């Protein structure tokens, strides 16, 4: 089993379930030392001191990770990150864009999938507003 850290559209429980099926468990998680951005209108992360990315971790199988690889495609690369879950650090796999394209606002429907995912995981309206502001550039 592998922990997978999601910060974009895979935060949305129904979307991820359609992609990989049921997972063993999931939790809110924070990735520190990175920031959320939108490259070509799609969520991405980049290293940045004193920043954090709000997301979730899912405990998934190797087969489910392979399915995610297919969805994410060759434009994304996997990295190992340390995320905080209930005050404890755990290692998780995250995807980030190989090519650092310019910022572009996400399509409203794509942004709504992410915001619904944050709500799915119990994030506050304050956190949701932060992500909305980031999406504006």
Protein backbone atom coordinates (compact mmCIF):
# COMPACT_ATOMS: atom_id res chain seq x y z
CA UNK A 1 0.00 0.00 0.00
CA UNK A 2 1.13 3.51 -0.85
CA UNK A 3 0.11 6.94 0.39
CA UNK A 4 -0.86 9.26 -2.47
CA UNK A 5 -1.09 13.03 -1.87
CA UNK A 6 -3.73 14.84 -3.94
CA UNK A 7 -4.02 18.63 -4.21
CA UNK A 8 -6.00 19.09 -7.44
CA UNK A 9 -9.03 17.45 -9.00
CA UNK A 10 -8.26 14.10 -7.32
CA UNK A 11 -9.28 15.70 -4.02
CA UNK A 12 -12.82 15.21 -5.26
CA UNK A 13 -13.93 11.87 -3.80
CA UNK A 14 -16.37 10.92 -6.55
CA UNK A 15 -13.87 11.79 -9.29
CA UNK A 16 -11.06 9.75 -7.72
CA UNK A 17 -13.39 6.82 -7.04
CA UNK A 18 -14.33 6.73 -10.75
CA UNK A 19 -10.65 6.72 -11.65
CA UNK A 20 -9.23 4.12 -9.25
CA UNK A 21 -12.08 2.57 -7.25
CA UNK A 22 -12.19 2.37 -3.44
CA UNK A 23 -9.12 3.13 -1.33
CA UNK A 24 -8.33 1.85 2.13
CA UNK A 25 -8.36 5.22 3.96
CA UNK A 26 -7.97 8.95 3.41
CA UNK A 27 -7.13 11.99 5.53
CA UNK A 28 -6.66 15.73 5.23
CA UNK A 29 -2.97 16.47 4.68
CA UNK A 30 -0.72 19.51 4.42
CA UNK A 31 2.40 19.73 2.28
CA UNK A 32 4.76 22.37 3.69
CA UNK A 33 7.53 24.05 1.72
CA UNK A 34 5.45 24.02 -1.48
CA UNK A 35 2.78 26.24 -2.97
CA UNK A 36 -0.20 25.56 -5.19
CA UNK A 37 -0.25 27.10 -8.65
CA UNK A 38 -2.13 26.60 -11.91
CA UNK A 39 -0.05 25.98 -15.03
CA UNK A 40 -1.99 26.03 -18.27
CA UNK A 41 -5.11 26.06 -16.09
CA UNK A 42 -4.24 22.83 -14.24
CA UNK A 43 -3.20 22.41 -10.59
CA UNK A 44 0.51 22.01 -9.90
CA UNK A 45 2.89 22.40 -6.98
CA UNK A 46 6.27 24.07 -6.73
CA UNK A 47 8.77 24.42 -3.92
CA UNK A 48 8.44 27.65 -1.95
CA UNK A 49 9.63 28.37 1.58
CA UNK A 50 7.01 29.32 4.17
CA UNK A 51 4.19 28.03 1.98
CA UNK A 52 1.79 25.12 2.20
CA UNK A 53 -0.51 23.11 0.01
CA UNK A 54 -3.82 21.83 1.38
CA UNK A 55 -4.80 18.40 0.17
CA UNK A 56 -5.51 14.82 1.16
CA UNK A 57 -3.71 11.51 1.32
CA UNK A 58 -5.21 8.25 0.14
CA UNK A 59 -3.89 4.80 1.01
CA UNK A 60 -3.93 3.00 -2.34
CA UNK A 61 -2.55 -0.14 -4.00
CA UNK A 62 0.22 -0.37 -6.62
CA UNK A 63 -2.45 -1.14 -9.24
CA UNK A 64 -4.39 1.99 -8.30
CA UNK A 65 -1.19 4.03 -8.57
CA UNK A 66 -0.64 2.62 -12.08
CA UNK A 67 -4.18 3.74 -12.99
CA UNK A 68 -3.36 7.22 -11.70
CA UNK A 69 -0.21 7.22 -13.84
CA UNK A 70 -2.40 6.66 -16.90
CA UNK A 71 -4.77 9.50 -15.95
CA UNK A 72 -2.00 11.95 -15.13
CA UNK A 73 -0.06 11.04 -18.27
CA UNK A 74 3.49 11.87 -19.31
CA UNK A 75 3.23 15.58 -18.48
CA UNK A 76 3.35 14.74 -14.76
CA UNK A 77 6.20 13.24 -12.77
CA UNK A 78 5.92 11.44 -9.43
CA UNK A 79 7.88 12.66 -6.42
CA UNK A 80 8.07 11.54 -2.81
CA UNK A 81 6.96 14.22 -0.34
CA UNK A 82 6.49 14.45 3.41
CA UNK A 83 3.02 15.59 4.40
CA UNK A 84 1.46 16.30 7.78
CA UNK A 85 -1.56 14.25 8.76
CA UNK A 86 -3.04 14.93 12.19
CA UNK A 87 0.28 16.43 13.29
CA UNK A 88 2.39 13.46 12.12
CA UNK A 89 4.64 13.36 9.07
CA UNK A 90 4.15 10.61 6.51
CA UNK A 91 5.78 9.90 3.15
CA UNK A 92 3.48 10.11 0.15
CA UNK A 93 3.70 10.18 -3.61
CA UNK A 94 2.59 13.34 -5.39
CA UNK A 95 2.52 14.34 -9.04
CA UNK A 96 3.94 17.57 -10.42
CA UNK A 97 4.31 18.97 -13.92
CA UNK A 98 7.55 18.21 -15.71
CA UNK A 99 7.42 21.41 -17.77
CA UNK A 100 6.91 24.58 -15.83
CA UNK A 101 4.42 26.37 -18.08
CA UNK A 102 3.10 29.83 -17.30
CA UNK A 103 0.27 30.49 -14.87
CA UNK A 104 -3.19 30.38 -16.40
CA UNK A 105 -6.46 30.57 -14.52
CA UNK A 106 -8.30 27.26 -14.32
CA UNK A 107 -11.65 26.77 -16.04
CA UNK A 108 -14.46 27.41 -13.50
CA UNK A 109 -15.73 23.82 -13.78
CA UNK A 110 -12.24 22.41 -13.06
CA UNK A 111 -11.81 24.77 -10.11
CA UNK A 112 -15.21 23.70 -8.74
CA UNK A 113 -14.11 20.04 -8.81
CA UNK A 114 -11.13 20.99 -6.63
CA UNK A 115 -13.21 23.14 -4.26
CA UNK A 116 -15.78 20.35 -3.87
CA UNK A 117 -12.89 18.02 -3.06
CA UNK A 118 -11.69 20.35 -0.32
CA UNK A 119 -15.24 20.34 1.08
CA UNK A 120 -15.32 16.52 0.80
CA UNK A 121 -12.35 16.43 3.17
CA UNK A 122 -13.80 18.93 5.65
CA UNK A 123 -11.68 21.97 4.85
CA UNK A 124 -12.99 25.28 6.17
CA UNK A 125 -14.39 28.09 4.05
CA UNK A 126 -11.21 30.07 4.85
CA UNK A 127 -9.05 27.42 3.17
CA UNK A 128 -11.44 27.20 0.22
CA UNK A 129 -11.17 30.99 -0.20
CA UNK A 130 -7.36 30.75 -0.17
CA UNK A 131 -7.46 28.25 -3.05
CA UNK A 132 -9.96 30.43 -4.92
CA UNK A 133 -7.59 33.41 -4.56
CA UNK A 134 -4.60 31.36 -5.77
CA UNK A 135 -6.62 30.38 -8.85
CA UNK A 136 -6.99 34.06 -9.80
CA UNK A 137 -3.24 34.56 -10.07
